[in-house]
């Protein structure tokens, strides 16, 4: 990473299955990455980005729906109601496709 000094890097020893180790080696051999450490850092950055995206989704989409359901449980639908609606929607789509 730009701006990092050698003293801010910590060394770790990890164990990987042969398939994952080979994958890292292939990425380095292809020239896409300069070293195995670079591959691992890229993978960790991707995990951090995914975790941040999940946290945003939970905060921005799931929590408001949960709060709304807690405030007004009557707005919910049973599994049977959902299944019936999906079935009807599917039947409508099939009719359109046949027409």
C-alpha atoms as a PDB file:
ATOM      1  CA  UNK A   1       0.000   0.000   0.000  1.00  0.00           C
ATOM      2  CA  UNK A   2       1.233   3.451  -0.799  1.00  0.00           C
ATOM      3  CA  UNK A   3       2.616   5.356   2.141  1.00  0.00           C
ATOM      4  CA  UNK A   4       3.266   2.288   4.287  1.00  0.00           C
ATOM      5  CA  UNK A   5       6.628   1.851   5.850  1.00  0.00           C
ATOM      6  CA  UNK A   6       8.317  -1.504   6.321  1.00  0.00           C
ATOM      7  CA  UNK A   7       7.794  -1.193  10.081  1.00  0.00           C
ATOM      8  CA  UNK A   8       3.995  -1.046   9.689  1.00  0.00           C
ATOM      9  CA  UNK A   9       3.854  -4.433   7.959  1.00  0.00           C
ATOM     10  CA  UNK A  10       3.348  -7.468  10.153  1.00  0.00           C
ATOM     11  CA  UNK A  11       4.438 -10.879   8.988  1.00  0.00           C
ATOM     12  CA  UNK A  12       2.094 -13.840   9.329  1.00  0.00           C
ATOM     13  CA  UNK A  13       2.478 -17.501   8.608  1.00  0.00           C
ATOM     14  CA  UNK A  14      -0.641 -19.119   7.192  1.00  0.00           C
ATOM     15  CA  UNK A  15      -1.582 -22.576   5.982  1.00  0.00           C
ATOM     16  CA  UNK A  16      -3.635 -23.062   2.835  1.00  0.00           C
ATOM     17  CA  UNK A  17      -5.043 -26.047   0.992  1.00  0.00           C
ATOM     18  CA  UNK A  18      -2.957 -26.936  -2.081  1.00  0.00           C
ATOM     19  CA  UNK A  19      -5.672 -25.661  -4.448  1.00  0.00           C
ATOM     20  CA  UNK A  20      -5.636 -22.183  -2.886  1.00  0.00           C
ATOM     21  CA  UNK A  21      -1.842 -22.064  -2.768  1.00  0.00           C
ATOM     22  CA  UNK A  22      -1.717 -23.029  -6.457  1.00  0.00           C
ATOM     23  CA  UNK A  23      -4.251 -20.337  -7.272  1.00  0.00           C
ATOM     24  CA  UNK A  24      -2.102 -17.699  -5.571  1.00  0.00           C
ATOM     25  CA  UNK A  25       0.971 -18.971  -7.403  1.00  0.00           C
ATOM     26  CA  UNK A  26      -0.879 -18.810 -10.732  1.00  0.00           C
ATOM     27  CA  UNK A  27      -2.002 -15.233 -10.096  1.00  0.00           C
ATOM     28  CA  UNK A  28       1.577 -14.200  -9.357  1.00  0.00           C
ATOM     29  CA  UNK A  29       2.955 -16.162 -12.335  1.00  0.00           C
ATOM     30  CA  UNK A  30       0.456 -14.458 -14.680  1.00  0.00           C
ATOM     31  CA  UNK A  31       1.868 -11.093 -13.690  1.00  0.00           C
ATOM     32  CA  UNK A  32      -1.382  -9.881 -12.175  1.00  0.00           C
ATOM     33  CA  UNK A  33       0.252  -9.586  -8.772  1.00  0.00           C
ATOM     34  CA  UNK A  34       3.858  -9.043  -7.751  1.00  0.00           C
ATOM     35  CA  UNK A  35       3.781 -11.453  -4.814  1.00  0.00           C
ATOM     36  CA  UNK A  36       1.664 -13.854  -2.795  1.00  0.00           C
ATOM     37  CA  UNK A  37       1.370 -11.159  -0.136  1.00  0.00           C
ATOM     38  CA  UNK A  38      -0.143  -8.803  -2.690  1.00  0.00           C
ATOM     39  CA  UNK A  39      -2.728 -11.456  -3.622  1.00  0.00           C
ATOM     40  CA  UNK A  40      -3.660 -11.973   0.022  1.00  0.00           C
ATOM     41  CA  UNK A  41      -3.917  -8.217   0.622  1.00  0.00           C
ATOM     42  CA  UNK A  42      -6.218  -7.869  -2.407  1.00  0.00           C
ATOM     43  CA  UNK A  43      -8.359 -10.715  -1.107  1.00  0.00           C
ATOM     44  CA  UNK A  44      -8.611  -9.131   2.321  1.00  0.00           C
ATOM     45  CA  UNK A  45      -9.558  -5.768   0.790  1.00  0.00           C
ATOM     46  CA  UNK A  46     -12.318  -7.528  -1.165  1.00  0.00           C
ATOM     47  CA  UNK A  47     -13.592  -9.164   2.031  1.00  0.00           C
ATOM     48  CA  UNK A  48     -13.558  -5.808   3.817  1.00  0.00           C
ATOM     49  CA  UNK A  49     -15.512  -4.210   0.963  1.00  0.00           C
ATOM     50  CA  UNK A  50     -18.048  -7.058   0.985  1.00  0.00           C
ATOM     51  CA  UNK A  51     -18.461  -6.851   4.764  1.00  0.00           C
ATOM     52  CA  UNK A  52     -18.956  -3.076   4.531  1.00  0.00           C
ATOM     53  CA  UNK A  53     -21.575  -3.576   1.792  1.00  0.00           C
ATOM     54  CA  UNK A  54     -23.441  -6.117   3.925  1.00  0.00           C
ATOM     55  CA  UNK A  55     -23.349  -3.737   6.900  1.00  0.00           C
ATOM     56  CA  UNK A  56     -24.731  -0.898   4.731  1.00  0.00           C
ATOM     57  CA  UNK A  57     -27.484  -3.179   3.410  1.00  0.00           C
ATOM     58  CA  UNK A  58     -28.428  -4.273   6.908  1.00  0.00           C
ATOM     59  CA  UNK A  59     -28.448  -0.697   8.199  1.00  0.00           C
ATOM     60  CA  UNK A  60     -30.166   0.912   5.202  1.00  0.00           C
ATOM     61  CA  UNK A  61     -32.582  -1.794   4.014  1.00  0.00           C
ATOM     62  CA  UNK A  62     -33.125  -4.467   6.636  1.00  0.00           C
ATOM     63  CA  UNK A  63     -33.322  -2.427   9.838  1.00  0.00           C
ATOM     64  CA  UNK A  64     -35.999  -0.030   8.527  1.00  0.00           C
ATOM     65  CA  UNK A  65     -38.173  -2.949   7.391  1.00  0.00           C
ATOM     66  CA  UNK A  66     -37.655  -4.724  10.716  1.00  0.00           C
ATOM     67  CA  UNK A  67     -38.581  -1.555  12.602  1.00  0.00           C
ATOM     68  CA  UNK A  68     -41.682  -1.074  10.432  1.00  0.00           C
ATOM     69  CA  UNK A  69     -42.751  -4.668  11.057  1.00  0.00           C
ATOM     70  CA  UNK A  70     -42.248  -4.230  14.800  1.00  0.00           C
ATOM     71  CA  UNK A  71     -44.365  -1.059  14.718  1.00  0.00           C
ATOM     72  CA  UNK A  72     -47.119  -2.629  12.587  1.00  0.00           C
ATOM     73  CA  UNK A  73     -47.008  -6.460  12.553  1.00  0.00           C
ATOM     74  CA  UNK A  74     -50.256  -6.567  10.545  1.00  0.00           C
ATOM     75  CA  UNK A  75     -48.400  -5.461   7.428  1.00  0.00           C
ATOM     76  CA  UNK A  76     -46.670  -8.846   7.252  1.00  0.00           C
ATOM     77  CA  UNK A  77     -47.780 -11.742   5.060  1.00  0.00           C
ATOM     78  CA  UNK A  78     -47.853 -15.434   5.867  1.00  0.00           C
ATOM     79  CA  UNK A  79     -45.762 -17.906   3.905  1.00  0.00           C
ATOM     80  CA  UNK A  80     -48.951 -19.272   2.371  1.00  0.00           C
ATOM     81  CA  UNK A  81     -49.992 -15.807   1.192  1.00  0.00           C
ATOM     82  CA  UNK A  82     -46.595 -15.222  -0.379  1.00  0.00           C
ATOM     83  CA  UNK A  83     -46.648 -18.642  -2.057  1.00  0.00           C
ATOM     84  CA  UNK A  84     -50.144 -17.996  -3.444  1.00  0.00           C
ATOM     85  CA  UNK A  85     -49.088 -14.629  -4.838  1.00  0.00           C
ATOM     86  CA  UNK A  86     -45.954 -16.092  -6.420  1.00  0.00           C
ATOM     87  CA  UNK A  87     -47.958 -18.936  -7.943  1.00  0.00           C
ATOM     88  CA  UNK A  88     -50.479 -16.490  -9.421  1.00  0.00           C
ATOM     89  CA  UNK A  89     -47.680 -14.315 -10.782  1.00  0.00           C
ATOM     90  CA  UNK A  90     -46.008 -17.333 -12.341  1.00  0.00           C
ATOM     91  CA  UNK A  91     -49.270 -18.465 -13.942  1.00  0.00           C
ATOM     92  CA  UNK A  92     -49.754 -14.966 -15.410  1.00  0.00           C
ATOM     93  CA  UNK A  93     -46.246 -15.073 -16.896  1.00  0.00           C
ATOM     94  CA  UNK A  94     -46.887 -18.505 -18.418  1.00  0.00           C
ATOM     95  CA  UNK A  95     -50.123 -17.256 -20.006  1.00  0.00           C
ATOM     96  CA  UNK A  96     -48.293 -14.284 -21.529  1.00  0.00           C
ATOM     97  CA  UNK A  97     -45.541 -16.522 -22.900  1.00  0.00           C
ATOM     98  CA  UNK A  98     -48.113 -18.808 -24.541  1.00  0.00           C
ATOM     99  CA  UNK A  99     -49.987 -15.926 -26.142  1.00  0.00           C
END
